[in-house]
Amino acid sequence: MAQYDATSPYFETTYSQFFLDTMVNRPIPKESDDLTFTINITYQYRPDLLAFDLYGIAGLWWVFYQRNPNTLQAPPMDFKVGTLIYLPKLSTLKSALGF
């Protein structure tokens, strides 16, 4: 059985031939050197574009939701202009996610 890629939010979630088990969240650690970012019109409703521009991997869009659970809760509709979020550094993600 194939396993999900290390950059996937489902990497630690088990599955069988027929269904995906209950989601196991992958926490993104809060670091003192995390950057703050106010979402602008370029990235409104497009966390995938911001992830690609920051990390080179559009599939890492979900880390913004894991790192900012009190601010971002309904992807992608709450990813809108004026919202202040924390951005983990690529080195933090590589360490936490193991890629």
PDB file of N, CA and C in Angstrom:
ATOM      1  N   MET A   1       0.844  -1.175   0.000  1.00  0.00           N
ATOM      2  CA  MET A   1       0.000   0.000   0.000  1.00  0.00           C
ATOM      3  C   MET A   1       0.890   1.238   0.000  1.00  0.00           C
ATOM      4  N   ALA A   2       0.613   2.165  -0.884  1.00  0.00           N
ATOM      5  CA  ALA A   2       1.405   3.392  -0.996  1.00  0.00           C
ATOM      6  C   ALA A   2       1.158   4.311   0.196  1.00  0.00           C
ATOM      7  N   GLN A   3       2.164   5.067   0.537  1.00  0.00           N
ATOM      8  CA  GLN A   3       2.070   6.016   1.640  1.00  0.00           C
ATOM      9  C   GLN A   3       2.022   7.428   1.061  1.00  0.00           C
ATOM     10  N   TYR A   4       1.390   8.332   1.769  1.00  0.00           N
ATOM     11  CA  TYR A   4       1.341   9.713   1.326  1.00  0.00           C
ATOM     12  C   TYR A   4       2.721  10.353   1.406  1.00  0.00           C
ATOM     13  N   ASP A   5       2.942  11.354   0.561  1.00  0.00           N
ATOM     14  CA  ASP A   5       4.187  12.099   0.527  1.00  0.00           C
ATOM     15  C   ASP A   5       4.394  12.843   1.850  1.00  0.00           C
ATOM     16  N   ALA A   6       5.648  13.070   2.225  1.00  0.00           N
ATOM     17  CA  ALA A   6       5.975  13.745   3.485  1.00  0.00           C
ATOM     18  C   ALA A   6       5.417  15.154   3.570  1.00  0.00           C
ATOM     19  N   THR A   7       5.109  15.781   2.437  1.00  0.00           N
ATOM     20  CA  THR A   7       4.549  17.136   2.453  1.00  0.00           C
ATOM     21  C   THR A   7       3.019  17.132   2.562  1.00  0.00           C
ATOM     22  N   SER A   8       2.414  15.975   2.577  1.00  0.00           N
ATOM     23  CA  SER A   8       0.954  15.864   2.618  1.00  0.00           C
ATOM     24  C   SER A   8       0.413  16.006   4.038  1.00  0.00           C
ATOM     25  N   PRO A   9      -0.756  16.633   4.190  1.00  0.00           N
ATOM     26  CA  PRO A   9      -1.365  16.701   5.525  1.00  0.00           C
ATOM     27  C   PRO A   9      -1.828  15.324   6.002  1.00  0.00           C
ATOM     28  N   TYR A  10      -1.931  14.344   5.097  1.00  0.00           N
ATOM     29  CA  TYR A  10      -2.392  12.997   5.429  1.00  0.00           C
ATOM     30  C   TYR A  10      -1.256  12.009   5.701  1.00  0.00           C
ATOM     31  N   PHE A  11      -0.023  12.484   5.733  1.00  0.00           N
ATOM     32  CA  PHE A  11       1.142  11.617   5.859  1.00  0.00           C
ATOM     33  C   PHE A  11       1.040  10.658   7.042  1.00  0.00           C
ATOM     34  N   GLU A  12       0.561  11.124   8.187  1.00  0.00           N
ATOM     35  CA  GLU A  12       0.491  10.290   9.387  1.00  0.00           C
ATOM     36  C   GLU A  12      -0.880   9.651   9.595  1.00  0.00           C
ATOM     37  N   THR A  13      -1.803   9.851   8.671  1.00  0.00           N
ATOM     38  CA  THR A  13      -3.140   9.284   8.761  1.00  0.00           C
ATOM     39  C   THR A  13      -3.141   7.912   8.098  1.00  0.00           C
ATOM     40  N   THR A  14      -3.643   6.921   8.802  1.00  0.00           N
ATOM     41  CA  THR A  14      -3.684   5.577   8.240  1.00  0.00           C
ATOM     42  C   THR A  14      -4.885   5.428   7.308  1.00  0.00           C
ATOM     43  N   TYR A  15      -4.805   4.438   6.463  1.00  0.00           N
ATOM     44  CA  TYR A  15      -5.909   4.159   5.551  1.00  0.00           C
ATOM     45  C   TYR A  15      -5.879   2.690   5.167  1.00  0.00           C
ATOM     46  N   SER A  16      -7.030   2.217   4.697  1.00  0.00           N
ATOM     47  CA  SER A  16      -7.118   0.852   4.208  1.00  0.00           C
ATOM     48  C   SER A  16      -7.419   0.915   2.719  1.00  0.00           C
ATOM     49  N   GLN A  17      -7.705  -0.214   2.167  1.00  0.00           N
ATOM     50  CA  GLN A  17      -8.020  -0.278   0.740  1.00  0.00           C
ATOM     51  C   GLN A  17      -9.277   0.529   0.413  1.00  0.00           C
ATOM     52  N   PHE A  18     -10.149   0.704   1.386  1.00  0.00           N
ATOM     53  CA  PHE A  18     -11.446   1.294   1.112  1.00  0.00           C
ATOM     54  C   PHE A  18     -11.680   2.687   1.684  1.00  0.00           C
ATOM     55  N   PHE A  19     -10.934   3.085   2.710  1.00  0.00           N
ATOM     56  CA  PHE A  19     -11.215   4.391   3.305  1.00  0.00           C
ATOM     57  C   PHE A  19      -9.999   4.957   4.028  1.00  0.00           C
ATOM     58  N   LEU A  20     -10.035   6.274   4.194  1.00  0.00           N
ATOM     59  CA  LEU A  20      -9.025   6.997   4.958  1.00  0.00           C
ATOM     60  C   LEU A  20      -9.501   7.048   6.402  1.00  0.00           C
ATOM     61  N   ASP A  21      -8.634   6.763   7.341  1.00  0.00           N
ATOM     62  CA  ASP A  21      -8.978   6.768   8.757  1.00  0.00           C
ATOM     63  C   ASP A  21      -9.161   8.212   9.236  1.00  0.00           C
ATOM     64  N   THR A  22      -9.464   8.397  10.494  1.00  0.00           N
ATOM     65  CA  THR A  22      -9.608   9.722  11.078  1.00  0.00           C
ATOM     66  C   THR A  22      -8.308  10.502  10.903  1.00  0.00           C
ATOM     67  N   MET A  23      -8.453  11.742  10.480  1.00  0.00           N
ATOM     68  CA  MET A  23      -7.297  12.594  10.205  1.00  0.00           C
ATOM     69  C   MET A  23      -6.423  12.770  11.441  1.00  0.00           C
ATOM     70  N   VAL A  24      -5.121  12.581  11.276  1.00  0.00           N
ATOM     71  CA  VAL A  24      -4.140  12.842  12.321  1.00  0.00           C
ATOM     72  C   VAL A  24      -3.443  14.142  11.933  1.00  0.00           C
ATOM     73  N   ASN A  25      -3.706  15.205  12.691  1.00  0.00           N
ATOM     74  CA  ASN A  25      -3.102  16.505  12.391  1.00  0.00           C
ATOM     75  C   ASN A  25      -1.596  16.455  12.548  1.00  0.00           C
ATOM     76  N   ARG A  26      -0.932  17.207  11.697  1.00  0.00           N
ATOM     77  CA  ARG A  26       0.519  17.334  11.754  1.00  0.00           C
ATOM     78  C   ARG A  26       0.835  18.729  12.277  1.00  0.00           C
ATOM     79  N   PRO A  27       1.171  18.845  13.541  1.00  0.00           N
ATOM     80  CA  PRO A  27       1.408  20.175  14.117  1.00  0.00           C
ATOM     81  C   PRO A  27       2.626  20.859  13.504  1.00  0.00           C
ATOM     82  N   ILE A  28       2.489  22.142  13.307  1.00  0.00           N
ATOM     83  CA  ILE A  28       3.583  22.979  12.840  1.00  0.00           C
ATOM     84  C   ILE A  28       4.035  23.784  14.051  1.00  0.00           C
ATOM     85  N   PRO A  29       5.264  23.590  14.508  1.00  0.00           N
ATOM     86  CA  PRO A  29       5.702  24.267  15.734  1.00  0.00           C
ATOM     87  C   PRO A  29       5.760  25.785  15.589  1.00  0.00           C
ATOM     88  N   LYS A  30       5.421  26.448  16.670  1.00  0.00           N
ATOM     89  CA  LYS A  30       5.534  27.905  16.718  1.00  0.00           C
ATOM     90  C   LYS A  30       6.969  28.239  17.077  1.00  0.00           C
ATOM     91  N   GLU A  31       7.587  29.053  16.262  1.00  0.00           N
ATOM     92  CA  GLU A  31       8.962  29.464  16.501  1.00  0.00           C
ATOM     93  C   GLU A  31       9.006  30.979  16.706  1.00  0.00           C
ATOM     94  N   SER A  32       9.950  31.439  17.475  1.00  0.00           N
ATOM     95  CA  SER A  32      10.061  32.877  17.739  1.00  0.00           C
ATOM     96  C   SER A  32      10.434  33.669  16.487  1.00  0.00           C
ATOM     97  N   ASP A  33      11.011  33.004  15.504  1.00  0.00           N
ATOM     98  CA  ASP A  33      11.399  33.705  14.281  1.00  0.00           C
ATOM     99  C   ASP A  33      10.410  33.521  13.125  1.00  0.00           C
ATOM    100  N   ASP A  34       9.196  33.026  13.424  1.00  0.00           N
ATOM    101  CA  ASP A  34       8.151  32.963  12.395  1.00  0.00           C
ATOM    102  C   ASP A  34       7.875  34.367  11.880  1.00  0.00           C
ATOM    103  N   LEU A  35       7.603  34.465  10.609  1.00  0.00           N
ATOM    104  CA  LEU A  35       7.296  35.759  10.009  1.00  0.00           C
ATOM    105  C   LEU A  35       5.807  36.051  10.112  1.00  0.00           C
ATOM    106  N   THR A  36       5.447  37.318  10.223  1.00  0.00           N
ATOM    107  CA  THR A  36       4.037  37.695  10.133  1.00  0.00           C
ATOM    108  C   THR A  36       3.789  38.200   8.716  1.00  0.00           C
ATOM    109  N   PHE A  37       2.594  37.946   8.231  1.00  0.00           N
ATOM    110  CA  PHE A  37       2.258  38.298   6.857  1.00  0.00           C
ATOM    111  C   PHE A  37       0.789  38.698   6.816  1.00  0.00           C
ATOM    112  N   THR A  38       0.517  39.806   6.162  1.00  0.00           N
ATOM    113  CA  THR A  38      -0.866  40.218   5.932  1.00  0.00           C
ATOM    114  C   THR A  38      -1.224  39.825   4.507  1.00  0.00           C
ATOM    115  N   ILE A  39      -2.229  38.987   4.383  1.00  0.00           N
ATOM    116  CA  ILE A  39      -2.623  38.485   3.065  1.00  0.00           C
ATOM    117  C   ILE A  39      -3.020  39.650   2.175  1.00  0.00           C
ATOM    118  N   ASN A  40      -2.452  39.677   0.977  1.00  0.00           N
ATOM    119  CA  ASN A  40      -2.764  40.740   0.018  1.00  0.00           C
ATOM    120  C   ASN A  40      -3.592  40.182  -1.142  1.00  0.00           C
ATOM    121  N   ILE A  41      -3.961  41.044  -2.065  1.00  0.00           N
ATOM    122  CA  ILE A  41      -4.854  40.668  -3.163  1.00  0.00           C
ATOM    123  C   ILE A  41      -4.269  39.557  -4.037  1.00  0.00           C
ATOM    124  N   THR A  42      -2.959  39.497  -4.146  1.00  0.00           N
ATOM    125  CA  THR A  42      -2.316  38.452  -4.952  1.00  0.00           C
ATOM    126  C   THR A  42      -2.659  37.057  -4.438  1.00  0.00           C
ATOM    127  N   TYR A  43      -2.775  36.897  -3.129  1.00  0.00           N
ATOM    128  CA  TYR A  43      -2.981  35.580  -2.529  1.00  0.00           C
ATOM    129  C   TYR A  43      -4.395  35.358  -1.997  1.00  0.00           C
ATOM    130  N   GLN A  44      -5.293  36.310  -2.195  1.00  0.00           N
ATOM    131  CA  GLN A  44      -6.653  36.142  -1.690  1.00  0.00           C
ATOM    132  C   GLN A  44      -7.254  34.849  -2.239  1.00  0.00           C
ATOM    133  N   TYR A  45      -7.740  34.005  -1.338  1.00  0.00           N
ATOM    134  CA  TYR A  45      -8.352  32.706  -1.643  1.00  0.00           C
ATOM    135  C   TYR A  45      -7.381  31.727  -2.301  1.00  0.00           C
ATOM    136  N   ARG A  46      -6.073  32.009  -2.261  1.00  0.00           N
ATOM    137  CA  ARG A  46      -5.085  31.155  -2.931  1.00  0.00           C
ATOM    138  C   ARG A  46      -3.899  30.830  -2.018  1.00  0.00           C
ATOM    139  N   PRO A  47      -4.122  30.087  -0.951  1.00  0.00           N
ATOM    140  CA  PRO A  47      -2.995  29.707  -0.104  1.00  0.00           C
ATOM    141  C   PRO A  47      -1.962  28.857  -0.851  1.00  0.00           C
ATOM    142  N   ASP A  48      -2.417  28.167  -1.892  1.00  0.00           N
ATOM    143  CA  ASP A  48      -1.486  27.362  -2.686  1.00  0.00           C
ATOM    144  C   ASP A  48      -0.454  28.229  -3.400  1.00  0.00           C
ATOM    145  N   LEU A  49      -0.866  29.401  -3.867  1.00  0.00           N
ATOM    146  CA  LEU A  49       0.084  30.298  -4.533  1.00  0.00           C
ATOM    147  C   LEU A  49       1.119  30.838  -3.557  1.00  0.00           C
ATOM    148  N   LEU A  50       0.678  31.191  -2.356  1.00  0.00           N
ATOM    149  CA  LEU A  50       1.615  31.673  -1.341  1.00  0.00           C
ATOM    150  C   LEU A  50       2.584  30.564  -0.958  1.00  0.00           C
ATOM    151  N   ALA A  51       2.086  29.337  -0.789  1.00  0.00           N
ATOM    152  CA  ALA A  51       2.961  28.213  -0.454  1.00  0.00           C
ATOM    153  C   ALA A  51       3.990  27.978  -1.555  1.00  0.00           C
ATOM    154  N   PHE A  52       3.568  28.076  -2.796  1.00  0.00           N
ATOM    155  CA  PHE A  52       4.510  27.896  -3.901  1.00  0.00           C
ATOM    156  C   PHE A  52       5.564  28.996  -3.912  1.00  0.00           C
ATOM    157  N   ASP A  53       5.128  30.235  -3.730  1.00  0.00           N
ATOM    158  CA  ASP A  53       6.075  31.350  -3.744  1.00  0.00           C
ATOM    159  C   ASP A  53       7.062  31.294  -2.571  1.00  0.00           C
ATOM    160  N   LEU A  54       6.613  30.812  -1.416  1.00  0.00           N
ATOM    161  CA  LEU A  54       7.480  30.748  -0.240  1.00  0.00           C
ATOM    162  C   LEU A  54       8.350  29.493  -0.202  1.00  0.00           C
ATOM    163  N   TYR A  55       7.741  28.355  -0.531  1.00  0.00           N
ATOM    164  CA  TYR A  55       8.399  27.074  -0.303  1.00  0.00           C
ATOM    165  C   TYR A  55       8.698  26.284  -1.589  1.00  0.00           C
ATOM    166  N   GLY A  56       8.131  26.728  -2.707  1.00  0.00           N
ATOM    167  CA  GLY A  56       8.328  26.003  -3.954  1.00  0.00           C
ATOM    168  C   GLY A  56       7.450  24.775  -4.090  1.00  0.00           C
ATOM    169  N   ILE A  57       6.517  24.588  -3.152  1.00  0.00           N
ATOM    170  CA  ILE A  57       5.616  23.424  -3.155  1.00  0.00           C
ATOM    171  C   ILE A  57       4.203  23.920  -2.860  1.00  0.00           C
ATOM    172  N   ALA A  58       3.358  23.979  -3.879  1.00  0.00           N
ATOM    173  CA  ALA A  58       1.987  24.476  -3.707  1.00  0.00           C
ATOM    174  C   ALA A  58       1.196  23.616  -2.728  1.00  0.00           C
ATOM    175  N   GLY A  59       1.531  22.332  -2.646  1.00  0.00           N
ATOM    176  CA  GLY A  59       0.825  21.410  -1.766  1.00  0.00           C
ATOM    177  C   GLY A  59       1.009  21.675  -0.283  1.00  0.00           C
ATOM    178  N   LEU A  60       1.880  22.606   0.068  1.00  0.00           N
ATOM    179  CA  LEU A  60       2.069  22.948   1.481  1.00  0.00           C
ATOM    180  C   LEU A  60       1.117  24.047   1.954  1.00  0.00           C
ATOM    181  N   TRP A  61       0.080  24.330   1.208  1.00  0.00           N
ATOM    182  CA  TRP A  61      -0.896  25.362   1.581  1.00  0.00           C
ATOM    183  C   TRP A  61      -1.486  25.101   2.962  1.00  0.00           C
ATOM    184  N   TRP A  62      -1.634  23.845   3.327  1.00  0.00           N
ATOM    185  CA  TRP A  62      -2.292  23.469   4.575  1.00  0.00           C
ATOM    186  C   TRP A  62      -1.506  23.880   5.814  1.00  0.00           C
ATOM    187  N   VAL A  63      -0.189  24.137   5.686  1.00  0.00           N
ATOM    188  CA  VAL A  63       0.594  24.518   6.867  1.00  0.00           C
ATOM    189  C   VAL A  63       0.149  25.860   7.436  1.00  0.00           C
ATOM    190  N   PHE A  64      -0.385  26.734   6.580  1.00  0.00           N
ATOM    191  CA  PHE A  64      -0.886  28.024   7.067  1.00  0.00           C
ATOM    192  C   PHE A  64      -2.069  27.804   8.010  1.00  0.00           C
ATOM    193  N   TYR A  65      -2.898  26.814   7.702  1.00  0.00           N
ATOM    194  CA  TYR A  65      -4.059  26.517   8.536  1.00  0.00           C
ATOM    195  C   TYR A  65      -3.650  25.817   9.828  1.00  0.00           C
ATOM    196  N   GLN A  66      -2.646  24.971   9.778  1.00  0.00           N
ATOM    197  CA  GLN A  66      -2.148  24.311  10.982  1.00  0.00           C
ATOM    198  C   GLN A  66      -1.440  25.298  11.897  1.00  0.00           C
ATOM    199  N   ARG A  67      -0.723  26.245  11.323  1.00  0.00           N
ATOM    200  CA  ARG A  67       0.043  27.216  12.121  1.00  0.00           C
ATOM    201  C   ARG A  67      -0.840  28.334  12.671  1.00  0.00           C
ATOM    202  N   ASN A  68      -1.979  28.601  12.025  1.00  0.00           N
ATOM    203  CA  ASN A  68      -2.869  29.705  12.414  1.00  0.00           C
ATOM    204  C   ASN A  68      -4.291  29.201  12.662  1.00  0.00           C
ATOM    205  N   PRO A  69      -4.479  28.247  13.576  1.00  0.00           N
ATOM    206  CA  PRO A  69      -5.807  27.634  13.743  1.00  0.00           C
ATOM    207  C   PRO A  69      -6.890  28.571  14.269  1.00  0.00           C
ATOM    208  N   ASN A  70      -6.503  29.634  14.971  1.00  0.00           N
ATOM    209  CA  ASN A  70      -7.509  30.560  15.495  1.00  0.00           C
ATOM    210  C   ASN A  70      -7.915  31.617  14.468  1.00  0.00           C
ATOM    211  N   THR A  71      -7.108  31.777  13.435  1.00  0.00           N
ATOM    212  CA  THR A  71      -7.365  32.785  12.411  1.00  0.00           C
ATOM    213  C   THR A  71      -7.932  32.174  11.147  1.00  0.00           C
ATOM    214  N   LEU A  72      -7.396  31.031  10.752  1.00  0.00           N
ATOM    215  CA  LEU A  72      -7.799  30.359   9.513  1.00  0.00           C
ATOM    216  C   LEU A  72      -8.493  29.042   9.851  1.00  0.00           C
ATOM    217  N   GLN A  73      -9.750  28.926   9.430  1.00  0.00           N
ATOM    218  CA  GLN A  73     -10.496  27.723   9.770  1.00  0.00           C
ATOM    219  C   GLN A  73     -11.316  27.157   8.617  1.00  0.00           C
ATOM    220  N   ALA A  74     -11.493  27.899   7.535  1.00  0.00           N
ATOM    221  CA  ALA A  74     -12.351  27.454   6.434  1.00  0.00           C
ATOM    222  C   ALA A  74     -11.658  27.641   5.088  1.00  0.00           C
ATOM    223  N   PRO A  75     -10.734  26.735   4.761  1.00  0.00           N
ATOM    224  CA  PRO A  75      -9.980  26.919   3.520  1.00  0.00           C
ATOM    225  C   PRO A  75     -10.873  26.832   2.278  1.00  0.00           C
ATOM    226  N   PRO A  76     -10.610  27.619   1.281  1.00  0.00           N
ATOM    227  CA  PRO A  76      -9.723  28.764   1.220  1.00  0.00           C
ATOM    228  C   PRO A  76     -10.448  30.085   1.451  1.00  0.00           C
ATOM    229  N   MET A  77     -11.717  30.032   1.818  1.00  0.00           N
ATOM    230  CA  MET A  77     -12.535  31.246   1.877  1.00  0.00           C
ATOM    231  C   MET A  77     -12.093  32.256   2.938  1.00  0.00           C
ATOM    232  N   ASP A  78     -11.433  31.822   3.984  1.00  0.00           N
ATOM    233  CA  ASP A  78     -10.967  32.773   4.996  1.00  0.00           C
ATOM    234  C   ASP A  78      -9.555  33.284   4.714  1.00  0.00           C
ATOM    235  N   PHE A  79      -8.977  32.879   3.607  1.00  0.00           N
ATOM    236  CA  PHE A  79      -7.651  33.350   3.203  1.00  0.00           C
ATOM    237  C   PHE A  79      -7.862  34.607   2.373  1.00  0.00           C
ATOM    238  N   LYS A  80      -8.170  35.709   3.070  1.00  0.00           N
ATOM    239  CA  LYS A  80      -8.571  36.923   2.358  1.00  0.00           C
ATOM    240  C   LYS A  80      -7.748  38.139   2.756  1.00  0.00           C
ATOM    241  N   VAL A  81      -7.832  39.135   1.925  1.00  0.00           N
ATOM    242  CA  VAL A  81      -7.070  40.372   2.091  1.00  0.00           C
ATOM    243  C   VAL A  81      -7.243  40.939   3.495  1.00  0.00           C
ATOM    244  N   GLY A  82      -6.115  41.328   4.091  1.00  0.00           N
ATOM    245  CA  GLY A  82      -6.129  41.974   5.400  1.00  0.00           C
ATOM    246  C   GLY A  82      -5.959  41.027   6.569  1.00  0.00           C
ATOM    247  N   THR A  83      -6.003  39.717   6.336  1.00  0.00           N
ATOM    248  CA  THR A  83      -5.856  38.751   7.419  1.00  0.00           C
ATOM    249  C   THR A  83      -4.377  38.596   7.759  1.00  0.00           C
ATOM    250  N   LEU A  84      -4.046  38.764   9.028  1.00  0.00           N
ATOM    251  CA  LEU A  84      -2.668  38.642   9.505  1.00  0.00           C
ATOM    252  C   LEU A  84      -2.422  37.201   9.937  1.00  0.00           C
ATOM    253  N   ILE A  85      -1.387  36.566   9.371  1.00  0.00           N
ATOM    254  CA  ILE A  85      -1.055  35.186   9.709  1.00  0.00           C
ATOM    255  C   ILE A  85       0.441  35.050  10.000  1.00  0.00           C
ATOM    256  N   TYR A  86       0.798  33.947  10.633  1.00  0.00           N
ATOM    257  CA  TYR A  86       2.194  33.600  10.872  1.00  0.00           C
ATOM    258  C   TYR A  86       2.643  32.615   9.802  1.00  0.00           C
ATOM    259  N   LEU A  87       3.847  32.824   9.294  1.00  0.00           N
ATOM    260  CA  LEU A  87       4.416  31.959   8.269  1.00  0.00           C
ATOM    261  C   LEU A  87       5.618  31.224   8.839  1.00  0.00           C
ATOM    262  N   PRO A  88       5.556  29.899   8.893  1.00  0.00           N
ATOM    263  CA  PRO A  88       6.734  29.169   9.338  1.00  0.00           C
ATOM    264  C   PRO A  88       7.819  29.209   8.265  1.00  0.00           C
ATOM    265  N   LYS A  89       9.054  29.185   8.685  1.00  0.00           N
ATOM    266  CA  LYS A  89      10.168  29.181   7.741  1.00  0.00           C
ATOM    267  C   LYS A  89      10.296  27.792   7.114  1.00  0.00           C
ATOM    268  N   LEU A  90      10.896  27.735   5.935  1.00  0.00           N
ATOM    269  CA  LEU A  90      11.096  26.471   5.231  1.00  0.00           C
ATOM    270  C   LEU A  90      11.916  25.516   6.083  1.00  0.00           C
ATOM    271  N   SER A  91      12.914  26.008   6.780  1.00  0.00           N
ATOM    272  CA  SER A  91      13.738  25.133   7.635  1.00  0.00           C
ATOM    273  C   SER A  91      12.903  24.503   8.743  1.00  0.00           C
ATOM    274  N   THR A  92      11.945  25.237   9.284  1.00  0.00           N
ATOM    275  CA  THR A  92      11.043  24.700  10.305  1.00  0.00           C
ATOM    276  C   THR A  92      10.199  23.582   9.716  1.00  0.00           C
ATOM    277  N   LEU A  93       9.677  23.800   8.514  1.00  0.00           N
ATOM    278  CA  LEU A  93       8.846  22.774   7.879  1.00  0.00           C
ATOM    279  C   LEU A  93       9.651  21.520   7.556  1.00  0.00           C
ATOM    280  N   LYS A  94      10.846  21.710   7.060  1.00  0.00           N
ATOM    281  CA  LYS A  94      11.686  20.557   6.730  1.00  0.00           C
ATOM    282  C   LYS A  94      11.964  19.721   7.985  1.00  0.00           C
ATOM    283  N   SER A  95      12.211  20.395   9.083  1.00  0.00           N
ATOM    284  CA  SER A  95      12.472  19.699  10.339  1.00  0.00           C
ATOM    285  C   SER A  95      11.209  19.001  10.868  1.00  0.00           C
ATOM    286  N   ALA A  96      10.090  19.712  10.872  1.00  0.00           N
ATOM    287  CA  ALA A  96       8.845  19.178  11.430  1.00  0.00           C
ATOM    288  C   ALA A  96       8.229  18.080  10.572  1.00  0.00           C
ATOM    289  N   LEU A  97       8.337  18.224   9.253  1.00  0.00           N
ATOM    290  CA  LEU A  97       7.682  17.289   8.346  1.00  0.00           C
ATOM    291  C   LEU A  97       8.620  16.223   7.793  1.00  0.00           C
ATOM    292  N   GLY A  98       9.917  16.445   7.929  1.00  0.00           N
ATOM    293  CA  GLY A  98      10.879  15.443   7.513  1.00  0.00           C
ATOM    294  C   GLY A  98      11.045  15.289   6.011  1.00  0.00           C
ATOM    295  N   PHE A  99      11.084  16.389   5.297  1.00  0.00           N
ATOM    296  CA  PHE A  99      11.325  16.290   3.842  1.00  0.00           C
ATOM    297  C   PHE A  99      12.545  17.080   3.453  1.00  0.00           C
TER     298      PHE A  99
END
